[in-house]
Amino acid sequence: MKYKLVKENETTNHNHNSEYFIKNYLTKDFDKKFSIVVVELTNGEHEPTKNIASDRFYYFISADATFEIEDNKISINDGDVLFIEKDTFFSFKGSFRAVQVMMPAFNIENDVNLS
């Protein structure tokens, strides 16, 4: 396949909790090499997590958030790009809307929580 267009109304949605929403555009069902989602956090936080298999990239469309990555607190603003290497614990809080790319594609079995 030379291309794939996914319209917003064709996406599947996942509510991680009442503040954290994920809109799936391309998942491992399309290609195991990468996945693309839009994530939105609304004045909330996410517990420390790492993925043991996938590197993670965020492009922040809008953001007023803080990521904590291995004892480093990083302020995130509109237009920033963040890379998090696989097997690295991170957490975040605040508000943001971002495009997230994971390589290889996200698989829930590879997510590990700190607790």
PDB file of N, CA and C in Angstrom:
ATOM      1  N   MET A   1       0.845  -1.172   0.000  1.00  0.00           N
ATOM      2  CA  MET A   1       0.000   0.000   0.000  1.00  0.00           C
ATOM      3  C   MET A   1       0.895   1.241   0.000  1.00  0.00           C
ATOM      4  N   LYS A   2       0.695   2.120  -0.932  1.00  0.00           N
ATOM      5  CA  LYS A   2       1.513   3.317  -1.077  1.00  0.00           C
ATOM      6  C   LYS A   2       1.087   4.444  -0.153  1.00  0.00           C
ATOM      7  N   TYR A   3      -0.150   4.419   0.321  1.00  0.00           N
ATOM      8  CA  TYR A   3      -0.600   5.448   1.261  1.00  0.00           C
ATOM      9  C   TYR A   3      -1.801   4.951   2.042  1.00  0.00           C
ATOM     10  N   LYS A   4      -2.082   5.674   3.127  1.00  0.00           N
ATOM     11  CA  LYS A   4      -3.268   5.387   3.944  1.00  0.00           C
ATOM     12  C   LYS A   4      -3.715   6.709   4.540  1.00  0.00           C
ATOM     13  N   LEU A   5      -4.941   7.057   4.299  1.00  0.00           N
ATOM     14  CA  LEU A   5      -5.548   8.246   4.888  1.00  0.00           C
ATOM     15  C   LEU A   5      -6.555   7.794   5.930  1.00  0.00           C
ATOM     16  N   VAL A   6      -6.430   8.331   7.132  1.00  0.00           N
ATOM     17  CA  VAL A   6      -7.386   8.020   8.189  1.00  0.00           C
ATOM     18  C   VAL A   6      -8.107   9.314   8.536  1.00  0.00           C
ATOM     19  N   LYS A   7      -9.385   9.348   8.297  1.00  0.00           N
ATOM     20  CA  LYS A   7     -10.211  10.507   8.647  1.00  0.00           C
ATOM     21  C   LYS A   7     -10.496  10.465  10.150  1.00  0.00           C
ATOM     22  N   GLU A   8     -10.647  11.642  10.730  1.00  0.00           N
ATOM     23  CA  GLU A   8     -10.890  11.705  12.175  1.00  0.00           C
ATOM     24  C   GLU A   8     -12.099  10.870  12.584  1.00  0.00           C
ATOM     25  N   ASN A   9     -13.129  10.859  11.769  1.00  0.00           N
ATOM     26  CA  ASN A   9     -14.334  10.095  12.135  1.00  0.00           C
ATOM     27  C   ASN A   9     -14.139   8.582  12.001  1.00  0.00           C
ATOM     28  N   GLU A  10     -12.970   8.152  11.514  1.00  0.00           N
ATOM     29  CA  GLU A  10     -12.657   6.722  11.405  1.00  0.00           C
ATOM     30  C   GLU A  10     -11.790   6.223  12.565  1.00  0.00           C
ATOM     31  N   THR A  11     -11.398   7.125  13.448  1.00  0.00           N
ATOM     32  CA  THR A  11     -10.527   6.742  14.547  1.00  0.00           C
ATOM     33  C   THR A  11     -11.308   6.009  15.634  1.00  0.00           C
ATOM     34  N   THR A  12     -10.551   5.293  16.458  1.00  0.00           N
ATOM     35  CA  THR A  12     -11.148   4.696  17.654  1.00  0.00           C
ATOM     36  C   THR A  12     -10.627   5.468  18.858  1.00  0.00           C
ATOM     37  N   ASN A  13     -11.479   5.615  19.852  1.00  0.00           N
ATOM     38  CA  ASN A  13     -11.121   6.401  21.026  1.00  0.00           C
ATOM     39  C   ASN A  13     -10.968   5.509  22.236  1.00  0.00           C
ATOM     40  N   HIS A  14     -10.035   5.909  23.093  1.00  0.00           N
ATOM     41  CA  HIS A  14      -9.804   5.193  24.345  1.00  0.00           C
ATOM     42  C   HIS A  14      -9.679   6.237  25.448  1.00  0.00           C
ATOM     43  N   ASN A  15     -10.491   6.112  26.476  1.00  0.00           N
ATOM     44  CA  ASN A  15     -10.390   6.985  27.641  1.00  0.00           C
ATOM     45  C   ASN A  15      -9.582   6.260  28.702  1.00  0.00           C
ATOM     46  N   HIS A  16      -8.354   6.695  28.880  1.00  0.00           N
ATOM     47  CA  HIS A  16      -7.485   6.093  29.889  1.00  0.00           C
ATOM     48  C   HIS A  16      -8.053   6.352  31.281  1.00  0.00           C
ATOM     49  N   ASN A  17      -8.515   7.560  31.511  1.00  0.00           N
ATOM     50  CA  ASN A  17      -9.249   7.949  32.722  1.00  0.00           C
ATOM     51  C   ASN A  17     -10.034   9.213  32.379  1.00  0.00           C
ATOM     52  N   SER A  18     -10.611   9.860  33.369  1.00  0.00           N
ATOM     53  CA  SER A  18     -11.482  11.004  33.069  1.00  0.00           C
ATOM     54  C   SER A  18     -10.734  12.225  32.547  1.00  0.00           C
ATOM     55  N   GLU A  19      -9.399  12.258  32.701  1.00  0.00           N
ATOM     56  CA  GLU A  19      -8.616  13.395  32.209  1.00  0.00           C
ATOM     57  C   GLU A  19      -7.742  13.065  30.990  1.00  0.00           C
ATOM     58  N   TYR A  20      -7.561  11.796  30.662  1.00  0.00           N
ATOM     59  CA  TYR A  20      -6.587  11.394  29.645  1.00  0.00           C
ATOM     60  C   TYR A  20      -7.285  10.606  28.540  1.00  0.00           C
ATOM     61  N   PHE A  21      -7.263  11.163  27.331  1.00  0.00           N
ATOM     62  CA  PHE A  21      -7.969  10.582  26.189  1.00  0.00           C
ATOM     63  C   PHE A  21      -6.986  10.267  25.063  1.00  0.00           C
ATOM     64  N   ILE A  22      -7.230   9.164  24.368  1.00  0.00           N
ATOM     65  CA  ILE A  22      -6.373   8.739  23.257  1.00  0.00           C
ATOM     66  C   ILE A  22      -7.260   8.498  22.045  1.00  0.00           C
ATOM     67  N   LYS A  23      -6.878   9.091  20.912  1.00  0.00           N
ATOM     68  CA  LYS A  23      -7.578   8.893  19.646  1.00  0.00           C
ATOM     69  C   LYS A  23      -6.620   8.130  18.728  1.00  0.00           C
ATOM     70  N   ASN A  24      -6.952   6.877  18.435  1.00  0.00           N
ATOM     71  CA  ASN A  24      -6.086   6.007  17.636  1.00  0.00           C
ATOM     72  C   ASN A  24      -6.276   6.266  16.144  1.00  0.00           C
ATOM     73  N   TYR A  25      -5.187   6.612  15.477  1.00  0.00           N
ATOM     74  CA  TYR A  25      -5.201   6.781  14.022  1.00  0.00           C
ATOM     75  C   TYR A  25      -4.593   5.555  13.340  1.00  0.00           C
ATOM     76  N   LEU A  26      -3.348   5.248  13.648  1.00  0.00           N
ATOM     77  CA  LEU A  26      -2.689   4.064  13.088  1.00  0.00           C
ATOM     78  C   LEU A  26      -2.117   3.251  14.242  1.00  0.00           C
ATOM     79  N   THR A  27      -2.538   1.994  14.333  1.00  0.00           N
ATOM     80  CA  THR A  27      -2.107   1.132  15.431  1.00  0.00           C
ATOM     81  C   THR A  27      -1.314  -0.049  14.881  1.00  0.00           C
ATOM     82  N   LYS A  28      -0.923  -0.925  15.788  1.00  0.00           N
ATOM     83  CA  LYS A  28      -0.170  -2.123  15.380  1.00  0.00           C
ATOM     84  C   LYS A  28      -0.962  -2.989  14.416  1.00  0.00           C
ATOM     85  N   ASP A  29      -2.283  -2.823  14.385  1.00  0.00           N
ATOM     86  CA  ASP A  29      -3.101  -3.578  13.428  1.00  0.00           C
ATOM     87  C   ASP A  29      -2.857  -3.136  11.995  1.00  0.00           C
ATOM     88  N   PHE A  30      -2.389  -1.892  11.826  1.00  0.00           N
ATOM     89  CA  PHE A  30      -2.048  -1.393  10.492  1.00  0.00           C
ATOM     90  C   PHE A  30      -0.602  -1.734  10.142  1.00  0.00           C
ATOM     91  N   ASP A  31       0.320  -1.442  11.070  1.00  0.00           N
ATOM     92  CA  ASP A  31       1.745  -1.678  10.817  1.00  0.00           C
ATOM     93  C   ASP A  31       2.447  -1.845  12.154  1.00  0.00           C
ATOM     94  N   LYS A  32       3.155  -2.911  12.338  1.00  0.00           N
ATOM     95  CA  LYS A  32       3.834  -3.180  13.610  1.00  0.00           C
ATOM     96  C   LYS A  32       5.066  -2.297  13.822  1.00  0.00           C
ATOM     97  N   LYS A  33       5.510  -1.572  12.779  1.00  0.00           N
ATOM     98  CA  LYS A  33       6.702  -0.734  12.900  1.00  0.00           C
ATOM     99  C   LYS A  33       6.452   0.571  13.639  1.00  0.00           C
ATOM    100  N   PHE A  34       5.207   1.092  13.629  1.00  0.00           N
ATOM    101  CA  PHE A  34       4.928   2.369  14.276  1.00  0.00           C
ATOM    102  C   PHE A  34       3.434   2.486  14.574  1.00  0.00           C
ATOM    103  N   SER A  35       3.116   3.393  15.485  1.00  0.00           N
ATOM    104  CA  SER A  35       1.718   3.751  15.737  1.00  0.00           C
ATOM    105  C   SER A  35       1.639   5.265  15.897  1.00  0.00           C
ATOM    106  N   ILE A  36       0.481   5.821  15.552  1.00  0.00           N
ATOM    107  CA  ILE A  36       0.252   7.264  15.655  1.00  0.00           C
ATOM    108  C   ILE A  36      -1.103   7.480  16.315  1.00  0.00           C
ATOM    109  N   VAL A  37      -1.078   8.273  17.389  1.00  0.00           N
ATOM    110  CA  VAL A  37      -2.305   8.620  18.099  1.00  0.00           C
ATOM    111  C   VAL A  37      -2.268  10.108  18.428  1.00  0.00           C
ATOM    112  N   VAL A  38      -3.423  10.646  18.762  1.00  0.00           N
ATOM    113  CA  VAL A  38      -3.498  11.978  19.353  1.00  0.00           C
ATOM    114  C   VAL A  38      -3.892  11.768  20.806  1.00  0.00           C
ATOM    115  N   VAL A  39      -3.112  12.355  21.713  1.00  0.00           N
ATOM    116  CA  VAL A  39      -3.382  12.224  23.135  1.00  0.00           C
ATOM    117  C   VAL A  39      -3.768  13.583  23.698  1.00  0.00           C
ATOM    118  N   GLU A  40      -4.667  13.557  24.655  1.00  0.00           N
ATOM    119  CA  GLU A  40      -5.104  14.793  25.290  1.00  0.00           C
ATOM    120  C   GLU A  40      -5.226  14.570  26.790  1.00  0.00           C
ATOM    121  N   LEU A  41      -4.566  15.434  27.536  1.00  0.00           N
ATOM    122  CA  LEU A  41      -4.645  15.427  28.988  1.00  0.00           C
ATOM    123  C   LEU A  41      -5.280  16.741  29.410  1.00  0.00           C
ATOM    124  N   THR A  42      -6.335  16.657  30.211  1.00  0.00           N
ATOM    125  CA  THR A  42      -7.058  17.842  30.650  1.00  0.00           C
ATOM    126  C   THR A  42      -6.869  18.007  32.146  1.00  0.00           C
ATOM    127  N   ASN A  43      -5.906  18.847  32.512  1.00  0.00           N
ATOM    128  CA  ASN A  43      -5.648  19.175  33.910  1.00  0.00           C
ATOM    129  C   ASN A  43      -5.619  17.921  34.782  1.00  0.00           C
ATOM    130  N   GLY A  44      -4.742  17.006  34.428  1.00  0.00           N
ATOM    131  CA  GLY A  44      -4.647  15.749  35.153  1.00  0.00           C
ATOM    132  C   GLY A  44      -3.206  15.301  35.248  1.00  0.00           C
ATOM    133  N   GLU A  45      -3.031  14.028  35.540  1.00  0.00           N
ATOM    134  CA  GLU A  45      -1.687  13.475  35.626  1.00  0.00           C
ATOM    135  C   GLU A  45      -1.705  11.996  35.260  1.00  0.00           C
ATOM    136  N   HIS A  46      -0.531  11.497  34.927  1.00  0.00           N
ATOM    137  CA  HIS A  46      -0.361  10.098  34.529  1.00  0.00           C
ATOM    138  C   HIS A  46       0.756   9.510  35.390  1.00  0.00           C
ATOM    139  N   GLU A  47       0.506   8.327  35.934  1.00  0.00           N
ATOM    140  CA  GLU A  47       1.462   7.672  36.820  1.00  0.00           C
ATOM    141  C   GLU A  47       2.745   7.309  36.074  1.00  0.00           C
ATOM    142  N   PRO A  48       3.858   7.130  36.812  1.00  0.00           N
ATOM    143  CA  PRO A  48       5.115   6.732  36.170  1.00  0.00           C
ATOM    144  C   PRO A  48       4.951   5.423  35.386  1.00  0.00           C
ATOM    145  N   THR A  49       5.382   5.468  34.140  1.00  0.00           N
ATOM    146  CA  THR A  49       5.220   4.352  33.206  1.00  0.00           C
ATOM    147  C   THR A  49       6.448   4.287  32.301  1.00  0.00           C
ATOM    148  N   LYS A  50       6.735   3.121  31.782  1.00  0.00           N
ATOM    149  CA  LYS A  50       7.730   2.989  30.719  1.00  0.00           C
ATOM    150  C   LYS A  50       7.235   1.935  29.751  1.00  0.00           C
ATOM    151  N   ASN A  51       7.722   2.004  28.532  1.00  0.00           N
ATOM    152  CA  ASN A  51       7.438   0.968  27.546  1.00  0.00           C
ATOM    153  C   ASN A  51       8.760   0.279  27.255  1.00  0.00           C
ATOM    154  N   ILE A  52       8.799  -1.015  27.424  1.00  0.00           N
ATOM    155  CA  ILE A  52      10.059  -1.740  27.305  1.00  0.00           C
ATOM    156  C   ILE A  52      10.467  -2.033  25.867  1.00  0.00           C
ATOM    157  N   ALA A  53       9.602  -1.707  24.899  1.00  0.00           N
ATOM    158  CA  ALA A  53       9.897  -2.048  23.505  1.00  0.00           C
ATOM    159  C   ALA A  53       9.940  -0.858  22.557  1.00  0.00           C
ATOM    160  N   SER A  54       9.246   0.239  22.888  1.00  0.00           N
ATOM    161  CA  SER A  54       9.048   1.313  21.907  1.00  0.00           C
ATOM    162  C   SER A  54       9.620   2.650  22.354  1.00  0.00           C
ATOM    163  N   ASP A  55      10.305   3.330  21.420  1.00  0.00           N
ATOM    164  CA  ASP A  55      10.644   4.737  21.595  1.00  0.00           C
ATOM    165  C   ASP A  55       9.382   5.543  21.352  1.00  0.00           C
ATOM    166  N   ARG A  56       9.308   6.711  21.971  1.00  0.00           N
ATOM    167  CA  ARG A  56       8.082   7.512  21.943  1.00  0.00           C
ATOM    168  C   ARG A  56       8.457   8.947  21.585  1.00  0.00           C
ATOM    169  N   PHE A  57       7.711   9.532  20.637  1.00  0.00           N
ATOM    170  CA  PHE A  57       7.879  10.923  20.236  1.00  0.00           C
ATOM    171  C   PHE A  57       6.558  11.650  20.448  1.00  0.00           C
ATOM    172  N   TYR A  58       6.621  12.857  20.988  1.00  0.00           N
ATOM    173  CA  TYR A  58       5.444  13.711  21.117  1.00  0.00           C
ATOM    174  C   TYR A  58       5.688  15.006  20.348  1.00  0.00           C
ATOM    175  N   TYR A  59       4.697  15.450  19.596  1.00  0.00           N
ATOM    176  CA  TYR A  59       4.663  16.814  19.068  1.00  0.00           C
ATOM    177  C   TYR A  59       3.483  17.485  19.760  1.00  0.00           C
ATOM    178  N   PHE A  60       3.747  18.522  20.544  1.00  0.00           N
ATOM    179  CA  PHE A  60       2.721  19.168  21.353  1.00  0.00           C
ATOM    180  C   PHE A  60       2.037  20.280  20.564  1.00  0.00           C
ATOM    181  N   ILE A  61       0.785  20.057  20.223  1.00  0.00           N
ATOM    182  CA  ILE A  61      -0.026  21.044  19.516  1.00  0.00           C
ATOM    183  C   ILE A  61      -0.318  22.204  20.462  1.00  0.00           C
ATOM    184  N   SER A  62      -0.750  21.872  21.661  1.00  0.00           N
ATOM    185  CA  SER A  62      -0.941  22.862  22.724  1.00  0.00           C
ATOM    186  C   SER A  62      -0.509  22.196  24.021  1.00  0.00           C
ATOM    187  N   ALA A  63       0.116  22.981  24.911  1.00  0.00           N
ATOM    188  CA  ALA A  63       0.621  22.355  26.124  1.00  0.00           C
ATOM    189  C   ALA A  63       0.910  23.372  27.220  1.00  0.00           C
ATOM    190  N   ASP A  64       0.579  22.974  28.396  1.00  0.00           N
ATOM    191  CA  ASP A  64       0.986  23.624  29.635  1.00  0.00           C
ATOM    192  C   ASP A  64       1.140  22.478  30.624  1.00  0.00           C
ATOM    193  N   ALA A  65       2.268  21.777  30.514  1.00  0.00           N
ATOM    194  CA  ALA A  65       2.438  20.522  31.239  1.00  0.00           C
ATOM    195  C   ALA A  65       3.875  20.361  31.706  1.00  0.00           C
ATOM    196  N   THR A  66       4.045  19.432  32.621  1.00  0.00           N
ATOM    197  CA  THR A  66       5.375  19.068  33.103  1.00  0.00           C
ATOM    198  C   THR A  66       5.531  17.558  32.976  1.00  0.00           C
ATOM    199  N   PHE A  67       6.625  17.137  32.371  1.00  0.00           N
ATOM    200  CA  PHE A  67       6.994  15.728  32.313  1.00  0.00           C
ATOM    201  C   PHE A  67       8.124  15.519  33.312  1.00  0.00           C
ATOM    202  N   GLU A  68       8.072  14.400  34.017  1.00  0.00           N
ATOM    203  CA  GLU A  68       9.195  14.007  34.858  1.00  0.00           C
ATOM    204  C   GLU A  68       9.777  12.744  34.244  1.00  0.00           C
ATOM    205  N   ILE A  69      11.043  12.843  33.850  1.00  0.00           N
ATOM    206  CA  ILE A  69      11.726  11.735  33.186  1.00  0.00           C
ATOM    207  C   ILE A  69      13.006  11.458  33.968  1.00  0.00           C
ATOM    208  N   GLU A  70      13.013  10.330  34.676  1.00  0.00           N
ATOM    209  CA  GLU A  70      14.171   9.931  35.483  1.00  0.00           C
ATOM    210  C   GLU A  70      14.726  11.099  36.298  1.00  0.00           C
ATOM    211  N   ASP A  71      13.905  11.664  37.163  1.00  0.00           N
ATOM    212  CA  ASP A  71      14.254  12.743  38.092  1.00  0.00           C
ATOM    213  C   ASP A  71      14.501  14.096  37.426  1.00  0.00           C
ATOM    214  N   ASN A  72      14.223  14.232  36.141  1.00  0.00           N
ATOM    215  CA  ASN A  72      14.315  15.520  35.457  1.00  0.00           C
ATOM    216  C   ASN A  72      12.919  16.052  35.210  1.00  0.00           C
ATOM    217  N   LYS A  73      12.637  17.262  35.670  1.00  0.00           N
ATOM    218  CA  LYS A  73      11.347  17.897  35.418  1.00  0.00           C
ATOM    219  C   LYS A  73      11.495  18.798  34.206  1.00  0.00           C
ATOM    220  N   ILE A  74      10.625  18.570  33.220  1.00  0.00           N
ATOM    221  CA  ILE A  74      10.718  19.271  31.947  1.00  0.00           C
ATOM    222  C   ILE A  74       9.405  19.989  31.682  1.00  0.00           C
ATOM    223  N   SER A  75       9.484  21.298  31.495  1.00  0.00           N
ATOM    224  CA  SER A  75       8.305  22.103  31.180  1.00  0.00           C
ATOM    225  C   SER A  75       8.018  21.992  29.691  1.00  0.00           C
ATOM    226  N   ILE A  76       6.767  21.702  29.337  1.00  0.00           N
ATOM    227  CA  ILE A  76       6.356  21.499  27.949  1.00  0.00           C
ATOM    228  C   ILE A  76       5.410  22.626  27.541  1.00  0.00           C
ATOM    229  N   ASN A  77       5.662  23.191  26.345  1.00  0.00           N
ATOM    230  CA  ASN A  77       4.839  24.279  25.821  1.00  0.00           C
ATOM    231  C   ASN A  77       4.395  23.972  24.391  1.00  0.00           C
ATOM    232  N   ASP A  78       3.514  24.802  23.866  1.00  0.00           N
ATOM    233  CA  ASP A  78       3.023  24.663  22.492  1.00  0.00           C
ATOM    234  C   ASP A  78       4.191  24.531  21.516  1.00  0.00           C
ATOM    235  N   GLY A  79       4.086  23.585  20.587  1.00  0.00           N
ATOM    236  CA  GLY A  79       5.070  23.440  19.526  1.00  0.00           C
ATOM    237  C   GLY A  79       6.307  22.643  19.883  1.00  0.00           C
ATOM    238  N   ASP A  80       6.460  22.229  21.139  1.00  0.00           N
ATOM    239  CA  ASP A  80       7.634  21.449  21.539  1.00  0.00           C
ATOM    240  C   ASP A  80       7.545  20.027  21.005  1.00  0.00           C
ATOM    241  N   VAL A  81       8.707  19.404  20.849  1.00  0.00           N
ATOM    242  CA  VAL A  81       8.816  17.991  20.494  1.00  0.00           C
ATOM    243  C   VAL A  81       9.616  17.316  21.600  1.00  0.00           C
ATOM    244  N   LEU A  82       9.154  16.157  22.046  1.00  0.00           N
ATOM    245  CA  LEU A  82       9.822  15.412  23.106  1.00  0.00           C
ATOM    246  C   LEU A  82      10.037  13.980  22.642  1.00  0.00           C
ATOM    247  N   PHE A  83      11.252  13.478  22.846  1.00  0.00           N
ATOM    248  CA  PHE A  83      11.597  12.084  22.564  1.00  0.00           C
ATOM    249  C   PHE A  83      11.855  11.391  23.890  1.00  0.00           C
ATOM    250  N   ILE A  84      11.271  10.211  24.082  1.00  0.00           N
ATOM    251  CA  ILE A  84      11.526   9.394  25.265  1.00  0.00           C
ATOM    252  C   ILE A  84      11.947   8.004  24.786  1.00  0.00           C
ATOM    253  N   GLU A  85      13.162   7.631  25.137  1.00  0.00           N
ATOM    254  CA  GLU A  85      13.705   6.347  24.717  1.00  0.00           C
ATOM    255  C   GLU A  85      12.993   5.194  25.438  1.00  0.00           C
ATOM    256  N   LYS A  86      12.865   4.074  24.751  1.00  0.00           N
ATOM    257  CA  LYS A  86      12.246   2.887  25.359  1.00  0.00           C
ATOM    258  C   LYS A  86      12.942   2.562  26.677  1.00  0.00           C
ATOM    259  N   ASP A  87      12.186   1.912  27.559  1.00  0.00           N
ATOM    260  CA  ASP A  87      12.697   1.465  28.854  1.00  0.00           C
ATOM    261  C   ASP A  87      13.079   2.622  29.774  1.00  0.00           C
ATOM    262  N   THR A  88      12.413   3.782  29.608  1.00  0.00           N
ATOM    263  CA  THR A  88      12.661   4.964  30.428  1.00  0.00           C
ATOM    264  C   THR A  88      11.371   5.346  31.149  1.00  0.00           C
ATOM    265  N   PHE A  89      11.417   5.378  32.483  1.00  0.00           N
ATOM    266  CA  PHE A  89      10.238   5.783  33.243  1.00  0.00           C
ATOM    267  C   PHE A  89       9.973   7.270  33.059  1.00  0.00           C
ATOM    268  N   PHE A  90       8.682   7.622  32.915  1.00  0.00           N
ATOM    269  CA  PHE A  90       8.275   9.017  32.823  1.00  0.00           C
ATOM    270  C   PHE A  90       6.865   9.145  33.388  1.00  0.00           C
ATOM    271  N   SER A  91       6.536  10.353  33.807  1.00  0.00           N
ATOM    272  CA  SER A  91       5.175  10.685  34.228  1.00  0.00           C
ATOM    273  C   SER A  91       4.909  12.108  33.750  1.00  0.00           C
ATOM    274  N   PHE A  92       3.647  12.529  33.797  1.00  0.00           N
ATOM    275  CA  PHE A  92       3.341  13.896  33.388  1.00  0.00           C
ATOM    276  C   PHE A  92       2.109  14.402  34.099  1.00  0.00           C
ATOM    277  N   LYS A  93       2.002  15.742  34.131  1.00  0.00           N
ATOM    278  CA  LYS A  93       0.824  16.380  34.710  1.00  0.00           C
ATOM    279  C   LYS A  93       0.613  17.721  34.036  1.00  0.00           C
ATOM    280  N   GLY A  94      -0.622  18.190  34.099  1.00  0.00           N
ATOM    281  CA  GLY A  94      -0.988  19.462  33.478  1.00  0.00           C
ATOM    282  C   GLY A  94      -2.025  19.243  32.408  1.00  0.00           C
ATOM    283  N   SER A  95      -1.877  19.995  31.318  1.00  0.00           N
ATOM    284  CA  SER A  95      -2.797  19.889  30.178  1.00  0.00           C
ATOM    285  C   SER A  95      -1.999  19.919  28.886  1.00  0.00           C
ATOM    286  N   PHE A  96      -2.381  19.069  27.934  1.00  0.00           N
ATOM    287  CA  PHE A  96      -1.769  19.128  26.607  1.00  0.00           C
ATOM    288  C   PHE A  96      -2.613  18.359  25.598  1.00  0.00           C
ATOM    289  N   ARG A  97      -2.357  18.680  24.340  1.00  0.00           N
ATOM    290  CA  ARG A  97      -2.876  17.928  23.188  1.00  0.00           C
ATOM    291  C   ARG A  97      -1.666  17.702  22.295  1.00  0.00           C
ATOM    292  N   ALA A  98      -1.419  16.434  21.937  1.00  0.00           N
ATOM    293  CA  ALA A  98      -0.196  16.107  21.214  1.00  0.00           C
ATOM    294  C   ALA A  98      -0.404  14.951  20.252  1.00  0.00           C
ATOM    295  N   VAL A  99       0.417  14.937  19.219  1.00  0.00           N
ATOM    296  CA  VAL A  99       0.534  13.780  18.341  1.00  0.00           C
ATOM    297  C   VAL A  99       1.647  12.921  18.937  1.00  0.00           C
ATOM    298  N   GLN A 100       1.354  11.648  19.134  1.00  0.00           N
ATOM    299  CA  GLN A 100       2.336  10.724  19.692  1.00  0.00           C
ATOM    300  C   GLN A 100       2.627   9.632  18.674  1.00  0.00           C
ATOM    301  N   VAL A 101       3.909   9.421  18.415  1.00  0.00           N
ATOM    302  CA  VAL A 101       4.355   8.356  17.520  1.00  0.00           C
ATOM    303  C   VAL A 101       5.196   7.398  18.345  1.00  0.00           C
ATOM    304  N   MET A 102       4.926   6.109  18.201  1.00  0.00           N
ATOM    305  CA  MET A 102       5.731   5.097  18.878  1.00  0.00           C
ATOM    306  C   MET A 102       6.304   4.134  17.847  1.00  0.00           C
ATOM    307  N   MET A 103       7.595   3.797  18.053  1.00  0.00           N
ATOM    308  CA  MET A 103       8.282   2.900  17.139  1.00  0.00           C
ATOM    309  C   MET A 103       9.058   1.874  17.953  1.00  0.00           C
ATOM    310  N   PRO A 104       8.786   0.567  17.802  1.00  0.00           N
ATOM    311  CA  PRO A 104       7.706  -0.024  17.027  1.00  0.00           C
ATOM    312  C   PRO A 104       6.348   0.334  17.623  1.00  0.00           C
ATOM    313  N   ALA A 105       5.295  -0.115  16.963  1.00  0.00           N
ATOM    314  CA  ALA A 105       3.933   0.246  17.340  1.00  0.00           C
ATOM    315  C   ALA A 105       3.645  -0.096  18.806  1.00  0.00           C
ATOM    316  N   PHE A 106       2.799   0.734  19.419  1.00  0.00           N
ATOM    317  CA  PHE A 106       2.398   0.524  20.808  1.00  0.00           C
ATOM    318  C   PHE A 106       1.731  -0.826  20.993  1.00  0.00           C
ATOM    319  N   ASN A 107       2.124  -1.490  22.067  1.00  0.00           N
ATOM    320  CA  ASN A 107       1.491  -2.733  22.495  1.00  0.00           C
ATOM    321  C   ASN A 107       1.364  -2.650  24.009  1.00  0.00           C
ATOM    322  N   ILE A 108       0.161  -2.701  24.530  1.00  0.00           N
ATOM    323  CA  ILE A 108      -0.106  -2.551  25.960  1.00  0.00           C
ATOM    324  C   ILE A 108       0.702  -3.537  26.799  1.00  0.00           C
ATOM    325  N   GLU A 109       1.011  -4.694  26.270  1.00  0.00           N
ATOM    326  CA  GLU A 109       1.778  -5.696  27.001  1.00  0.00           C
ATOM    327  C   GLU A 109       3.191  -5.224  27.332  1.00  0.00           C
ATOM    328  N   ASN A 110       3.679  -4.202  26.618  1.00  0.00           N
ATOM    329  CA  ASN A 110       5.024  -3.688  26.849  1.00  0.00           C
ATOM    330  C   ASN A 110       5.071  -2.495  27.806  1.00  0.00           C
ATOM    331  N   ASP A 111       3.900  -2.040  28.280  1.00  0.00           N
ATOM    332  CA  ASP A 111       3.845  -0.938  29.244  1.00  0.00           C
ATOM    333  C   ASP A 111       4.028  -1.483  30.657  1.00  0.00           C
ATOM    334  N   VAL A 112       4.872  -0.793  31.427  1.00  0.00           N
ATOM    335  CA  VAL A 112       5.153  -1.180  32.800  1.00  0.00           C
ATOM    336  C   VAL A 112       4.945   0.037  33.676  1.00  0.00           C
ATOM    337  N   ASN A 113       4.141  -0.103  34.741  1.00  0.00           N
ATOM    338  CA  ASN A 113       3.951   0.970  35.705  1.00  0.00           C
ATOM    339  C   ASN A 113       4.940   0.813  36.841  1.00  0.00           C
ATOM    340  N   LEU A 114       5.291   1.927  37.467  1.00  0.00           N
ATOM    341  CA  LEU A 114       6.264   1.921  38.560  1.00  0.00           C
ATOM    342  C   LEU A 114       5.741   1.171  39.786  1.00  0.00           C
ATOM    343  N   SER A 115       4.444   1.254  40.030  1.00  0.00           N
ATOM    344  CA  SER A 115       3.889   0.624  41.233  1.00  0.00           C
ATOM    345  C   SER A 115       3.688  -0.863  41.108  1.00  0.00           C
TER     346      SER A 115
END
